[in-house]
C-alpha atoms as a PDB file:
ATOM      1  CA  MET A   1     -16.477  72.164  97.760  1.00  0.00           C
ATOM      2  CA  ALA A   2     -13.301  71.008  99.077  1.00  0.00           C
ATOM      3  CA  ALA A   3     -12.334  74.892  99.900  1.00  0.00           C
ATOM      4  CA  GLY A   4     -15.528  74.235 101.877  1.00  0.00           C
ATOM      5  CA  LEU A   5     -14.117  70.455 103.917  1.00  0.00           C
ATOM      6  CA  ASP A   6     -11.025  72.217 105.524  1.00  0.00           C
ATOM      7  CA  ALA A   7     -13.689  73.797 108.432  1.00  0.00           C
ATOM      8  CA  PHE A   8     -14.990  69.744 109.313  1.00  0.00           C
ATOM      9  CA  VAL A   9     -11.025  68.720 109.607  1.00  0.00           C
ATOM     10  CA  ASN A  10     -11.458  67.018 113.541  1.00  0.00           C
ATOM     11  CA  HIS A  11     -15.022  67.265 113.502  1.00  0.00           C
ATOM     12  CA  THR A  12     -17.291  64.590 113.571  1.00  0.00           C
ATOM     13  CA  VAL A  13     -19.803  64.606 110.031  1.00  0.00           C
ATOM     14  CA  SER A  14     -21.807  62.253 108.541  1.00  0.00           C
ATOM     15  CA  ILE A  15     -21.224  61.447 104.778  1.00  0.00           C
ATOM     16  CA  ILE A  16     -23.678  59.731 103.069  1.00  0.00           C
ATOM     17  CA  THR A  17     -22.650  58.172  99.695  1.00  0.00           C
ATOM     18  CA  SER A  18     -24.453  57.789  96.058  1.00  0.00           C
ATOM     19  CA  ASP A  19     -25.267  54.321  97.244  1.00  0.00           C
ATOM     20  CA  GLY A  20     -27.647  55.310 100.123  1.00  0.00           C
ATOM     21  CA  ARG A  21     -24.978  54.365 103.003  1.00  0.00           C
ATOM     22  CA  ASN A  22     -24.059  56.930 106.135  1.00  0.00           C
ATOM     23  CA  PHE A  23     -21.176  56.801 107.544  1.00  0.00           C
ATOM     24  CA  ILE A  24     -20.370  58.922 110.640  1.00  0.00           C
ATOM     25  CA  GLY A  25     -16.842  59.188 111.679  1.00  0.00           C
ATOM     26  CA  THR A  26     -13.884  62.254 112.562  1.00  0.00           C
ATOM     27  CA  LEU A  27     -12.511  64.235 109.353  1.00  0.00           C
ATOM     28  CA  LYS A  28      -9.143  63.320 109.003  1.00  0.00           C
ATOM     29  CA  GLY A  29      -8.440  64.460 105.859  1.00  0.00           C
ATOM     30  CA  PHE A  30      -9.235  64.758 102.036  1.00  0.00           C
ATOM     31  CA  ASP A  31      -7.835  65.598  98.608  1.00  0.00           C
ATOM     32  CA  GLN A  32      -8.672  67.526  95.348  1.00  0.00           C
ATOM     33  CA  THR A  33     -11.284  65.279  94.638  1.00  0.00           C
ATOM     34  CA  ILE A  34     -12.778  65.128  97.689  1.00  0.00           C
ATOM     35  CA  ASN A  35     -11.785  61.762  98.748  1.00  0.00           C
ATOM     36  CA  ILE A  36     -12.337  61.546 102.997  1.00  0.00           C
ATOM     37  CA  ILE A  37     -10.407  60.259 105.269  1.00  0.00           C
ATOM     38  CA  LEU A  38     -12.698  59.136 108.338  1.00  0.00           C
ATOM     39  CA  ASP A  39     -11.200  57.938 111.949  1.00  0.00           C
ATOM     40  CA  GLU A  40     -13.252  55.727 114.126  1.00  0.00           C
ATOM     41  CA  SER A  41     -15.798  55.868 112.359  1.00  0.00           C
ATOM     42  CA  HIS A  42     -18.715  53.248 111.818  1.00  0.00           C
ATOM     43  CA  GLU A  43     -21.975  52.835 109.226  1.00  0.00           C
ATOM     44  CA  ARG A  44     -25.722  52.965 110.463  1.00  0.00           C
ATOM     45  CA  VAL A  45     -27.341  50.202 108.729  1.00  0.00           C
ATOM     46  CA  TYR A  46     -31.665  51.263 109.046  1.00  0.00           C
ATOM     47  CA  SER A  47     -33.915  49.156 108.903  1.00  0.00           C
ATOM     48  CA  SER A  48     -38.074  49.558 109.004  1.00  0.00           C
ATOM     49  CA  THR A  49     -37.574  46.617 111.348  1.00  0.00           C
ATOM     50  CA  THR A  50     -35.363  47.114 113.452  1.00  0.00           C
ATOM     51  CA  GLY A  51     -33.458  49.732 115.396  1.00  0.00           C
ATOM     52  CA  VAL A  52     -30.208  50.633 114.027  1.00  0.00           C
ATOM     53  CA  GLU A  53     -27.269  48.688 113.274  1.00  0.00           C
ATOM     54  CA  GLN A  54     -24.238  50.336 113.945  1.00  0.00           C
ATOM     55  CA  VAL A  55     -20.678  48.160 112.134  1.00  0.00           C
ATOM     56  CA  ILE A  56     -17.930  49.692 113.265  1.00  0.00           C
ATOM     57  CA  LEU A  57     -14.591  50.325 110.762  1.00  0.00           C
ATOM     58  CA  GLY A  58     -12.365  52.256 112.425  1.00  0.00           C
ATOM     59  CA  LEU A  59      -9.853  53.915 109.903  1.00  0.00           C
ATOM     60  CA  HIS A  60     -11.754  54.376 106.521  1.00  0.00           C
ATOM     61  CA  ILE A  61     -12.013  55.845 103.177  1.00  0.00           C
ATOM     62  CA  ILE A  62     -14.592  56.684 100.914  1.00  0.00           C
ATOM     63  CA  ARG A  63     -13.725  57.782  97.238  1.00  0.00           C
ATOM     64  CA  GLY A  64     -15.000  61.186  96.496  1.00  0.00           C
ATOM     65  CA  ASP A  65     -17.364  60.390  92.977  1.00  0.00           C
ATOM     66  CA  ASN A  66     -19.172  58.137  96.025  1.00  0.00           C
ATOM     67  CA  ILE A  67     -20.492  61.218  98.091  1.00  0.00           C
ATOM     68  CA  ALA A  68     -23.669  62.754  97.576  1.00  0.00           C
ATOM     69  CA  ILE A  69     -23.582  64.391 101.097  1.00  0.00           C
ATOM     70  CA  ILE A  70     -21.611  65.542 103.691  1.00  0.00           C
ATOM     71  CA  GLY A  71     -22.842  66.884 107.314  1.00  0.00           C
ATOM     72  CA  LEU A  72     -21.156  68.593 110.733  1.00  0.00           C
ATOM     73  CA  VAL A  73     -22.621  65.942 113.131  1.00  0.00           C
ATOM     74  CA  ASP A  74     -24.406  67.571 116.627  1.00  0.00           C
ATOM     75  CA  GLU A  75     -21.977  65.339 118.671  1.00  0.00           C
ATOM     76  CA  GLU A  76     -24.453  66.359 121.566  1.00  0.00           C
ATOM     77  CA  LEU A  77     -27.730  65.620 119.813  1.00  0.00           C
ATOM     78  CA  ASP A  78     -26.623  62.643 118.410  1.00  0.00           C
ATOM     79  CA  ASN A  79     -25.448  61.246 121.894  1.00  0.00           C
ATOM     80  CA  ARG A  80     -28.597  61.293 122.646  1.00  0.00           C
ATOM     81  CA  LEU A  81     -30.385  59.805 120.182  1.00  0.00           C
ATOM     82  CA  ASN A  82     -31.325  56.077 121.191  1.00  0.00           C
ATOM     83  CA  LEU A  83     -30.223  54.405 118.135  1.00  0.00           C
ATOM     84  CA  SER A  84     -32.616  50.985 118.700  1.00  0.00           C
ATOM     85  CA  SER A  85     -35.585  52.408 118.930  1.00  0.00           C
ATOM     86  CA  ILE A  86     -35.160  54.536 115.310  1.00  0.00           C
ATOM     87  CA  LYS A  87     -36.831  52.581 113.072  1.00  0.00           C
ATOM     88  CA  ALA A  88     -36.226  53.552 108.522  1.00  0.00           C
ATOM     89  CA  GLU A  89     -36.587  52.544 104.879  1.00  0.00           C
ATOM     90  CA  PRO A  90     -32.796  52.108 104.387  1.00  0.00           C
ATOM     91  CA  LEU A  91     -31.973  55.345 101.508  1.00  0.00           C
ATOM     92  CA  ASN A  92     -32.285  54.111  97.464  1.00  0.00           C
ATOM     93  CA  SER A  93     -29.354  54.292  95.272  1.00  0.00           C
ATOM     94  CA  VAL A  94     -29.100  57.486  93.545  1.00  0.00           C
ATOM     95  CA  VAL A  95     -30.215  56.997  90.137  1.00  0.00           C
ATOM     96  CA  HIS A  96     -28.868  59.279  87.227  1.00  0.00           C
END
């Protein structure tokens, strides 16, 4: 998977971790164990009763063994979202 991440460097990515958290930020680097460095990052916290809360993190490191999914974000589409009106159940943790 590490070789495929080269194309994502300096682009906005969404990372979902195995404990169900969702991080958005600019991928600045990674290593052979997929430890990730995100810049200008924030966590999106979902709720079924209120809109999506965004917690600003800035420069953030995520351990590779905690990553479930990494994907590119369509920034134009993402900027049009009204996160305060989106209500969703938080993701559950991955169970092995």
